[in-house]
Amino acid sequence: MKSVSLSEMAYAVKAVEVVVTFEGAKKRRPEPWRTGVTYFSVHDIWLYQAIMDAKVCPICLAHEETGEFRGNHLRAKFPYLEIQDVGTIKVHAHMPRDDNCRCYLIRKIEEPE
């Protein structure tokens, strides 16, 4: 049997700690598809939020005026979108030319009747 050095043992312990931490993080923050949360369904409604200041561009202004977007249209309208969390999507409306877009989509929560 091969002997293991102290540094190899410390490395193995650190690797196990990383895996355990990662598994614990996955349990605390489940993937959306495991919780039933959708983003690109016809039932998902997203509100465009432009940062309305002197830097707002005509592209973002036009999207702000449109207002609502259905989830099933998001990928075609914003091909470079980035899901931030369950209720927020960063749109990257100008990519690939410019990644400085500050605009985002927020999930519209409809009140039960």
Protein backbone atom coordinates (compact mmCIF):
# COMPACT_ATOMS: atom_id res chain seq x y z
CA MET A 1 0.00 0.00 0.00
CA LYS A 2 1.31 3.43 -0.97
CA SER A 3 1.84 5.93 1.81
CA VAL A 4 0.14 9.30 1.46
CA SER A 5 1.95 12.50 2.33
CA LEU A 6 0.44 15.08 4.63
CA SER A 7 0.05 17.61 1.77
CA GLU A 8 -1.79 15.03 -0.36
CA MET A 9 -4.10 14.26 2.55
CA ALA A 10 -4.77 17.99 3.11
CA TYR A 11 -5.54 18.39 -0.60
CA ALA A 12 -8.00 15.47 -0.47
CA VAL A 13 -9.73 16.91 2.61
CA LYS A 14 -10.04 20.32 0.92
CA ALA A 15 -11.53 18.68 -2.19
CA VAL A 16 -14.15 16.89 -0.07
CA GLU A 17 -15.00 20.17 1.72
CA VAL A 18 -15.55 21.90 -1.64
CA VAL A 19 -17.88 19.14 -2.84
CA VAL A 20 -19.86 19.18 0.41
CA THR A 21 -20.19 22.98 0.27
CA PHE A 22 -21.35 22.83 -3.35
CA GLU A 23 -23.94 20.15 -2.60
CA GLY A 24 -25.22 22.19 0.35
CA ALA A 25 -25.55 25.29 -1.83
CA LYS A 26 -27.55 23.35 -4.40
CA LYS A 27 -29.98 22.24 -1.69
CA ARG A 28 -30.51 25.79 -0.42
CA ARG A 29 -31.07 27.28 -3.89
CA PRO A 30 -32.90 24.73 -6.06
CA GLU A 31 -32.82 24.96 -9.83
CA PRO A 32 -35.93 26.65 -11.27
CA TRP A 33 -37.02 23.55 -13.16
CA ARG A 34 -37.18 21.62 -9.88
CA THR A 35 -39.45 24.19 -8.25
CA GLY A 36 -41.83 24.51 -11.18
CA VAL A 37 -40.67 28.06 -12.02
CA THR A 38 -40.66 28.84 -15.73
CA TYR A 39 -39.21 31.72 -17.71
CA PHE A 40 -40.13 31.11 -21.33
CA SER A 41 -43.75 30.01 -21.07
CA VAL A 42 -46.63 31.85 -22.66
CA HIS A 43 -47.90 32.29 -19.08
CA ASP A 44 -44.77 34.15 -17.97
CA ILE A 45 -45.13 37.91 -18.33
CA TRP A 46 -42.07 40.13 -18.03
CA LEU A 47 -41.97 43.92 -17.64
CA TYR A 48 -39.13 45.81 -19.31
CA GLN A 49 -37.33 48.21 -16.98
CA ALA A 50 -35.10 50.79 -18.64
CA ILE A 51 -32.97 53.07 -16.53
CA MET A 52 -34.58 56.36 -17.50
CA ASP A 53 -31.79 58.91 -17.31
CA ALA A 54 -29.67 60.92 -19.73
CA LYS A 55 -27.84 57.75 -20.87
CA VAL A 56 -30.96 55.83 -22.02
CA CYS A 57 -30.68 54.86 -25.70
CA PRO A 58 -33.45 54.70 -28.34
CA ILE A 59 -33.42 50.86 -28.29
CA CYS A 60 -34.06 50.69 -24.56
CA LEU A 61 -36.58 53.51 -24.70
CA ALA A 62 -38.59 51.66 -27.36
CA HIS A 63 -38.61 48.46 -25.28
CA GLU A 64 -39.71 50.45 -22.21
CA GLU A 65 -42.63 51.89 -24.18
CA THR A 66 -43.63 48.39 -25.33
CA GLY A 67 -43.74 47.39 -21.68
CA GLU A 68 -44.74 43.73 -21.39
CA PHE A 69 -43.22 40.68 -23.02
CA ARG A 70 -44.51 37.12 -22.93
CA GLY A 71 -41.99 34.48 -21.93
CA ASN A 72 -42.34 32.59 -25.20
CA HIS A 73 -41.08 35.70 -27.10
CA LEU A 74 -38.07 36.49 -24.91
CA ARG A 75 -35.42 34.40 -26.66
CA ALA A 76 -36.26 35.89 -30.05
CA LYS A 77 -36.44 39.47 -28.75
CA PHE A 78 -33.43 39.28 -26.40
CA PRO A 79 -31.09 36.54 -27.65
CA TYR A 80 -28.35 37.47 -25.17
CA LEU A 81 -30.51 37.46 -22.03
CA GLU A 82 -29.10 36.31 -18.72
CA ILE A 83 -31.31 34.96 -15.94
CA GLN A 84 -30.33 36.71 -12.70
CA ASP A 85 -32.84 35.08 -10.34
CA VAL A 86 -36.43 33.85 -10.31
CA GLY A 87 -37.84 37.34 -10.86
CA THR A 88 -35.14 39.17 -12.83
CA ILE A 89 -33.58 38.80 -16.27
CA LYS A 90 -30.74 41.00 -17.56
CA VAL A 91 -31.54 41.65 -21.22
CA HIS A 92 -28.22 42.73 -22.81
CA ALA A 93 -30.30 44.47 -25.48
CA HIS A 94 -27.26 45.84 -27.36
CA MET A 95 -25.04 42.77 -27.53
CA PRO A 96 -22.79 41.80 -29.10
CA ARG A 97 -21.88 45.45 -29.80
CA ASP A 98 -22.11 46.79 -26.26
CA ASP A 99 -22.49 45.05 -22.91
CA ASN A 100 -23.19 48.25 -20.99
CA CYS A 101 -26.97 47.88 -21.14
CA ARG A 102 -28.36 48.53 -17.67
CA CYS A 103 -31.90 47.41 -18.46
CA TYR A 104 -33.63 44.32 -17.16
CA LEU A 105 -36.92 42.46 -17.08
CA ILE A 106 -38.89 41.79 -13.93
CA ARG A 107 -41.50 39.09 -13.56
CA LYS A 108 -45.05 40.39 -13.49
CA ILE A 109 -46.91 38.73 -10.65
CA GLU A 110 -50.61 38.58 -11.29
CA GLU A 111 -52.80 38.80 -8.23
CA PRO A 112 -55.18 35.84 -7.76
CA GLU A 113 -58.81 36.73 -8.23
